[in-house]
Amino acid sequence: MAPHRERITLVVENEVLRLMGVQEGVVTRWASAPLPAGTLAEDGSVADLAALAQVLERLWSSQGQSAPRDSLVLAIPGRQIASSLVPVGGLQTADESLMEMKAREALPREDSYHDWQVVGPSSQPGLFVVAAPAPLVDSYLEALNIAELGVLAVDVKPLALIRGVGQRHAIIVDGERSVGTIIIVDEALPRLVRFPALNAPLLASQEDKIMRLVEVLQETVDRYNSEAGSRALHPSIPIFLTGSLADNPLLQEAVQQVLGRAAGRLTPAIQVPGDMPLSQFITNVGLALKRL
């Protein structure tokens, strides 16, 4: 039997691109490249197509001739992307046309691309729906086309993070320099997702960004617990720190002091090199695990 083809995953953040390859459950390559200031707009769309295409070309050139160029699995910034979790218990979740209809009913937005995924246990399935403005997605596809790169699938970061962390119950805190992502995961479902902005002028230092991220995290957990009733987060549920700020001792200490929760250890479902900064590439891991 022929081996599975290498899958290339690409995560776009405001200030960096992260590439990771995986084949037969083993990471084959990983690399990152900084983005020049102004490449992406404030809303997360591509402001400078040529600049992004040039960085993509340099990133692929650094991998030699062996990195596939025609089947990327891509995750893009999610600040403009709306999401909704719809209960679908009692419905035929294998009926794709029915799930597509339910997805569009959940987020009836014009000029948007809709995507959906059935999540959670079979006894309590949910339909996680996202709607991304067409101009946002098209701006990335155009830049990739300029760089002669083909996209097999586009994913949203929250789902990729949940897949990468791989826990049924978790609080995921992804800290990048411009934006954070906070996800409350219950029964493998993204119950609450927030995207706190971390690029305000008053948040210039890493310390300021971290304290703002922890502040929003506490607000998010308090809000969830006040609305969840009997499904409030158990004190033993850990917080998983990811992104470029994850290894900062201040963030680890602040999370434990403010929320009294331990930081969980990332245990990916694929084999990763010991020198790869896993907390920064866990979204790529989630893309590698995406069913296509």
Protein backbone atom coordinates (compact mmCIF):
# COMPACT_ATOMS: atom_id res chain seq x y z
CA MET A 1 0.00 0.00 0.00
CA ALA A 2 1.34 3.42 -0.96
CA PRO A 3 2.08 5.76 1.97
CA HIS A 4 -0.22 8.69 2.61
CA ARG A 5 0.90 11.90 1.00
CA GLU A 6 2.46 14.55 3.20
CA ARG A 7 -0.07 17.12 4.39
CA ILE A 8 1.14 20.71 4.69
CA THR A 9 -0.61 22.91 7.24
CA LEU A 10 -0.35 26.69 7.28
CA VAL A 11 -1.49 28.98 10.08
CA VAL A 12 -1.66 32.73 9.43
CA GLU A 13 -1.30 35.04 12.41
CA ASN A 14 -1.08 38.82 12.31
CA GLU A 15 2.70 38.81 12.65
CA VAL A 16 3.84 35.34 11.60
CA LEU A 17 3.20 32.39 9.30
CA ARG A 18 3.63 28.87 10.70
CA LEU A 19 4.09 25.88 8.41
CA MET A 20 4.07 22.25 9.51
CA GLY A 21 4.08 19.04 7.49
CA VAL A 22 2.82 15.66 8.67
CA GLN A 23 2.88 12.21 7.11
CA GLU A 24 1.76 8.90 8.60
CA GLY A 25 1.16 10.60 11.95
CA VAL A 26 4.68 12.06 12.18
CA VAL A 27 5.70 15.70 11.81
CA THR A 28 8.01 15.91 8.81
CA ARG A 29 8.87 19.62 8.85
CA TRP A 30 8.12 22.83 10.67
CA ALA A 31 9.06 26.43 10.03
CA SER A 32 7.87 29.98 10.62
CA ALA A 33 8.37 33.35 8.97
CA PRO A 34 7.58 36.85 10.23
CA LEU A 35 5.10 39.04 8.37
CA PRO A 36 6.04 42.65 7.65
CA ALA A 37 3.97 45.24 9.47
CA GLY A 38 0.88 46.15 7.48
CA THR A 39 0.63 42.85 5.59
CA LEU A 40 -2.70 42.16 7.27
CA ALA A 41 -5.39 44.74 7.96
CA GLU A 42 -6.90 45.37 11.38
CA ASP A 43 -9.86 43.18 10.50
CA GLY A 44 -7.59 40.23 9.67
CA SER A 45 -7.90 40.40 5.88
CA VAL A 46 -4.89 40.71 3.59
CA ALA A 47 -3.93 44.35 3.09
CA ASP A 48 -0.80 43.72 0.98
CA LEU A 49 -1.20 40.72 -1.32
CA ALA A 50 2.31 41.03 -2.77
CA ALA A 51 3.94 41.14 0.66
CA LEU A 52 2.11 38.02 1.85
CA ALA A 53 2.88 36.19 -1.40
CA GLN A 54 6.59 37.05 -1.05
CA VAL A 55 6.74 35.70 2.50
CA LEU A 56 4.96 32.53 1.37
CA GLU A 57 7.49 32.08 -1.43
CA ARG A 58 10.43 32.50 0.96
CA LEU A 59 8.86 30.08 3.43
CA TRP A 60 8.40 27.42 0.74
CA SER A 61 11.87 28.04 -0.69
CA SER A 62 13.32 27.33 2.76
CA GLN A 63 11.83 23.82 2.48
CA GLY A 64 13.57 22.94 -0.77
CA GLN A 65 11.70 21.24 -3.59
CA SER A 66 10.01 18.57 -1.49
CA ALA A 67 7.20 20.53 0.19
CA PRO A 68 3.87 20.00 -1.64
CA ARG A 69 2.42 23.19 -3.07
CA ASP A 70 -1.03 22.08 -4.16
CA SER A 71 -2.87 20.78 -1.10
CA LEU A 72 -2.57 23.13 1.87
CA VAL A 73 -4.81 23.00 4.88
CA LEU A 74 -5.11 26.61 6.00
CA ALA A 75 -6.22 28.41 9.16
CA ILE A 76 -6.82 32.16 9.01
CA PRO A 77 -7.43 34.80 11.72
CA GLY A 78 -10.94 34.56 13.12
CA ARG A 79 -11.93 38.01 14.33
CA GLN A 80 -14.41 38.59 11.49
CA ILE A 81 -15.62 35.01 11.55
CA ALA A 82 -18.99 34.46 13.24
CA SER A 83 -19.69 31.16 14.94
CA SER A 84 -22.65 29.37 16.43
CA LEU A 85 -23.23 26.02 18.14
CA VAL A 86 -26.54 24.42 17.19
CA PRO A 87 -27.96 21.29 18.91
CA VAL A 88 -28.78 18.65 16.30
CA GLY A 89 -29.82 15.73 18.48
CA GLY A 90 -32.43 13.57 16.78
CA LEU A 91 -31.38 14.68 13.28
CA GLN A 92 -29.51 12.67 10.66
CA THR A 93 -26.09 14.22 11.14
CA ALA A 94 -24.70 12.13 8.27
CA ASP A 95 -27.07 13.96 5.88
CA GLU A 96 -24.73 16.66 4.57
CA SER A 97 -27.46 18.59 2.73
CA LEU A 98 -29.51 18.78 5.94
CA MET A 99 -26.51 19.93 7.98
CA GLU A 100 -25.70 22.53 5.31
CA MET A 101 -29.26 23.88 5.54
CA LYS A 102 -29.07 24.01 9.35
CA ALA A 103 -25.72 25.81 9.13
CA ARG A 104 -27.11 28.54 6.88
CA GLU A 105 -30.19 28.90 9.07
CA ALA A 106 -27.97 29.34 12.13
CA LEU A 107 -25.93 32.14 10.53
CA PRO A 108 -27.97 33.65 7.67
CA ARG A 109 -25.28 35.98 6.33
CA GLU A 110 -25.00 37.16 2.77
CA ASP A 111 -21.69 37.26 0.92
CA SER A 112 -20.13 34.75 3.30
CA TYR A 113 -18.62 31.31 3.11
CA HIS A 114 -20.21 28.86 5.52
CA ASP A 115 -18.50 25.87 7.01
CA TRP A 116 -19.70 23.43 9.63
CA GLN A 117 -18.63 20.40 11.59
CA VAL A 118 -20.61 17.93 13.69
CA VAL A 119 -18.97 17.92 17.12
CA GLY A 120 -19.51 16.31 20.50
CA PRO A 121 -20.62 12.81 21.49
CA SER A 122 -23.18 10.90 19.41
CA SER A 123 -25.61 11.11 22.33
CA GLN A 124 -25.48 14.91 22.29
CA PRO A 125 -24.24 16.08 18.88
CA GLY A 126 -23.84 19.71 18.03
CA LEU A 127 -23.32 21.54 14.76
CA PHE A 128 -20.51 24.07 15.04
CA VAL A 129 -21.12 26.62 12.30
CA VAL A 130 -18.85 29.39 11.06
CA ALA A 131 -19.52 32.12 8.53
CA ALA A 132 -16.56 33.99 7.09
CA PRO A 133 -16.98 37.09 4.92
CA ALA A 134 -16.16 36.17 1.33
CA PRO A 135 -13.75 39.13 0.88
CA LEU A 136 -11.75 37.92 3.92
CA VAL A 137 -11.32 34.38 2.61
CA ASP A 138 -10.83 35.50 -0.99
CA SER A 139 -7.97 37.82 0.01
CA TYR A 140 -6.00 34.84 1.36
CA LEU A 141 -6.82 32.63 -1.61
CA GLU A 142 -5.64 35.38 -3.97
CA ALA A 143 -2.31 35.76 -2.14
CA LEU A 144 -1.80 32.00 -2.18
CA ASN A 145 -2.62 31.92 -5.88
CA ILE A 146 0.02 34.59 -6.55
CA ALA A 147 2.52 32.38 -4.71
CA GLU A 148 1.31 29.39 -6.81
CA LEU A 149 0.01 27.52 -3.78
CA GLY A 150 -3.21 25.53 -3.81
CA VAL A 151 -5.61 25.17 -0.87
CA LEU A 152 -7.27 21.86 -0.09
CA ALA A 153 -9.28 23.12 2.90
CA VAL A 154 -9.74 26.23 5.05
CA ASP A 155 -10.36 25.83 8.77
CA VAL A 156 -11.03 28.23 11.61
CA LYS A 157 -8.56 28.52 14.44
CA PRO A 158 -10.90 27.61 17.35
CA LEU A 159 -11.75 24.23 15.84
CA ALA A 160 -8.12 23.54 14.98
CA LEU A 161 -7.08 24.45 18.52
CA ILE A 162 -9.68 22.13 20.06
CA ARG A 163 -8.51 19.31 17.79
CA GLY A 164 -4.86 19.98 18.57
CA VAL A 165 -5.33 20.13 22.34
CA GLY A 166 -7.51 17.02 22.17
CA GLN A 167 -9.33 17.31 25.52
CA ARG A 168 -13.07 16.85 26.08
CA HIS A 169 -13.07 19.41 28.89
CA ALA A 170 -10.65 22.32 28.77
CA ILE A 171 -10.07 26.04 28.80
CA ILE A 172 -7.82 27.01 25.90
CA VAL A 173 -6.01 30.34 26.01
CA ASP A 174 -4.12 31.20 22.83
CA GLY A 175 -1.98 34.31 23.18
CA GLU A 176 -0.49 36.00 20.14
CA ARG A 177 0.93 39.51 20.12
CA SER A 178 -2.05 41.11 18.37
CA VAL A 179 -5.03 39.00 19.34
CA GLY A 180 -5.94 36.24 21.76
CA THR A 181 -8.34 33.33 21.45
CA ILE A 182 -10.18 31.99 24.50
CA ILE A 183 -12.26 28.82 24.18
CA ILE A 184 -14.38 27.06 26.78
CA VAL A 185 -14.54 23.38 25.76
CA ASP A 186 -17.17 21.09 27.29
CA GLU A 187 -17.80 17.58 25.97
CA ALA A 188 -15.45 18.47 23.10
CA LEU A 189 -17.79 21.33 22.13
CA PRO A 190 -16.69 24.97 21.80
CA ARG A 191 -19.26 26.38 24.24
CA LEU A 192 -17.86 29.92 24.31
CA VAL A 193 -15.24 31.61 22.10
CA ARG A 194 -13.78 35.10 22.48
CA PHE A 195 -11.11 37.02 20.55
CA PRO A 196 -9.65 39.73 22.81
CA ALA A 197 -7.66 42.37 20.93
CA LEU A 198 -4.11 42.78 22.26
CA ASN A 199 -2.79 45.39 19.84
CA ALA A 200 -4.15 48.58 21.47
CA PRO A 201 -1.60 51.39 22.06
CA LEU A 202 -1.89 50.87 25.84
CA LEU A 203 -0.92 47.21 25.42
CA ALA A 204 2.56 47.77 24.04
CA SER A 205 4.53 45.44 26.34
CA GLN A 206 4.17 41.69 26.69
CA GLU A 207 3.28 42.19 30.34
CA ASP A 208 0.38 44.49 29.42
CA LYS A 209 -0.88 42.03 26.80
CA ILE A 210 -0.73 39.15 29.26
CA MET A 211 -2.61 41.01 31.97
CA ARG A 212 -5.31 42.01 29.49
CA LEU A 213 -5.57 38.42 28.27
CA VAL A 214 -5.93 37.14 31.85
CA GLU A 215 -8.54 39.82 32.59
CA VAL A 216 -10.68 38.73 29.61
CA LEU A 217 -10.10 35.10 30.54
CA GLN A 218 -11.49 35.65 34.03
CA GLU A 219 -14.49 37.54 32.63
CA THR A 220 -15.12 34.70 30.16
CA VAL A 221 -14.97 31.97 32.79
CA ASP A 222 -17.19 33.96 35.18
CA ARG A 223 -19.74 34.60 32.43
CA TYR A 224 -19.78 30.97 31.38
CA ASN A 225 -20.20 29.69 34.93
CA SER A 226 -22.99 32.16 35.69
CA GLU A 227 -24.95 30.99 32.62
CA ALA A 228 -24.10 27.28 32.73
CA GLY A 229 -25.82 26.37 36.01
CA SER A 230 -25.11 22.72 36.74
CA ARG A 231 -22.65 22.60 33.82
CA ALA A 232 -20.32 25.16 35.40
CA LEU A 233 -16.63 24.42 34.92
CA HIS A 234 -15.23 22.00 37.48
CA PRO A 235 -12.24 23.42 39.40
CA SER A 236 -10.08 20.52 38.18
CA ILE A 237 -10.45 21.44 34.50
CA PRO A 238 -7.04 22.74 33.40
CA ILE A 239 -6.11 25.70 31.24
CA PHE A 240 -4.05 24.96 28.14
CA LEU A 241 -1.77 27.81 27.10
CA THR A 242 -0.85 28.11 23.44
CA GLY A 243 0.58 30.70 21.06
CA SER A 244 3.65 32.91 21.19
CA LEU A 245 2.89 34.10 24.76
CA ALA A 246 2.30 30.60 26.15
CA ASP A 247 5.79 30.05 27.55
CA ASN A 248 5.98 33.39 29.30
CA PRO A 249 6.25 32.67 33.08
CA LEU A 250 4.07 35.71 33.85
CA LEU A 251 1.13 34.22 31.93
CA GLN A 252 1.53 30.85 33.63
CA GLU A 253 1.73 32.44 37.08
CA ALA A 254 -1.15 34.86 36.46
CA VAL A 255 -3.47 32.07 35.29
CA GLN A 256 -2.76 30.03 38.40
CA GLN A 257 -3.05 32.96 40.80
CA VAL A 258 -6.14 34.62 39.33
CA LEU A 259 -8.16 31.51 38.44
CA GLY A 260 -6.58 28.94 40.73
CA ARG A 261 -6.27 26.46 37.86
CA ALA A 262 -3.25 24.48 36.80
CA ALA A 263 -1.78 24.77 33.32
CA GLY A 264 -2.37 21.55 31.38
CA ARG A 265 0.38 19.74 29.49
CA LEU A 266 -0.06 19.46 25.73
CA THR A 267 -0.02 15.82 24.56
CA PRO A 268 -0.50 15.81 20.77
CA ALA A 269 -2.02 12.86 18.95
CA ILE A 270 0.83 12.87 16.42
CA GLN A 271 4.57 12.43 16.84
CA VAL A 272 6.36 15.79 17.07
CA PRO A 273 10.08 16.64 17.16
CA GLY A 274 11.47 17.44 20.60
CA ASP A 275 12.78 20.82 19.44
CA MET A 276 9.51 22.03 17.89
CA PRO A 277 7.82 24.68 20.07
CA LEU A 278 4.57 22.76 20.43
CA SER A 279 2.59 25.55 22.08
CA GLN A 280 3.15 27.70 18.98
CA PHE A 281 2.34 24.93 16.49
CA ILE A 282 -0.63 23.28 18.21
CA THR A 283 -3.04 24.92 15.73
CA ASN A 284 -1.05 23.27 12.94
CA VAL A 285 -1.41 19.96 14.78
CA GLY A 286 -5.17 20.50 14.77
CA LEU A 287 -5.10 21.15 11.02
CA ALA A 288 -3.12 17.95 10.54
CA LEU A 289 -5.87 16.03 12.38
CA LYS A 290 -8.72 17.58 10.38
CA ARG A 291 -10.83 15.05 8.51
CA LEU A 292 -11.06 15.87 4.82
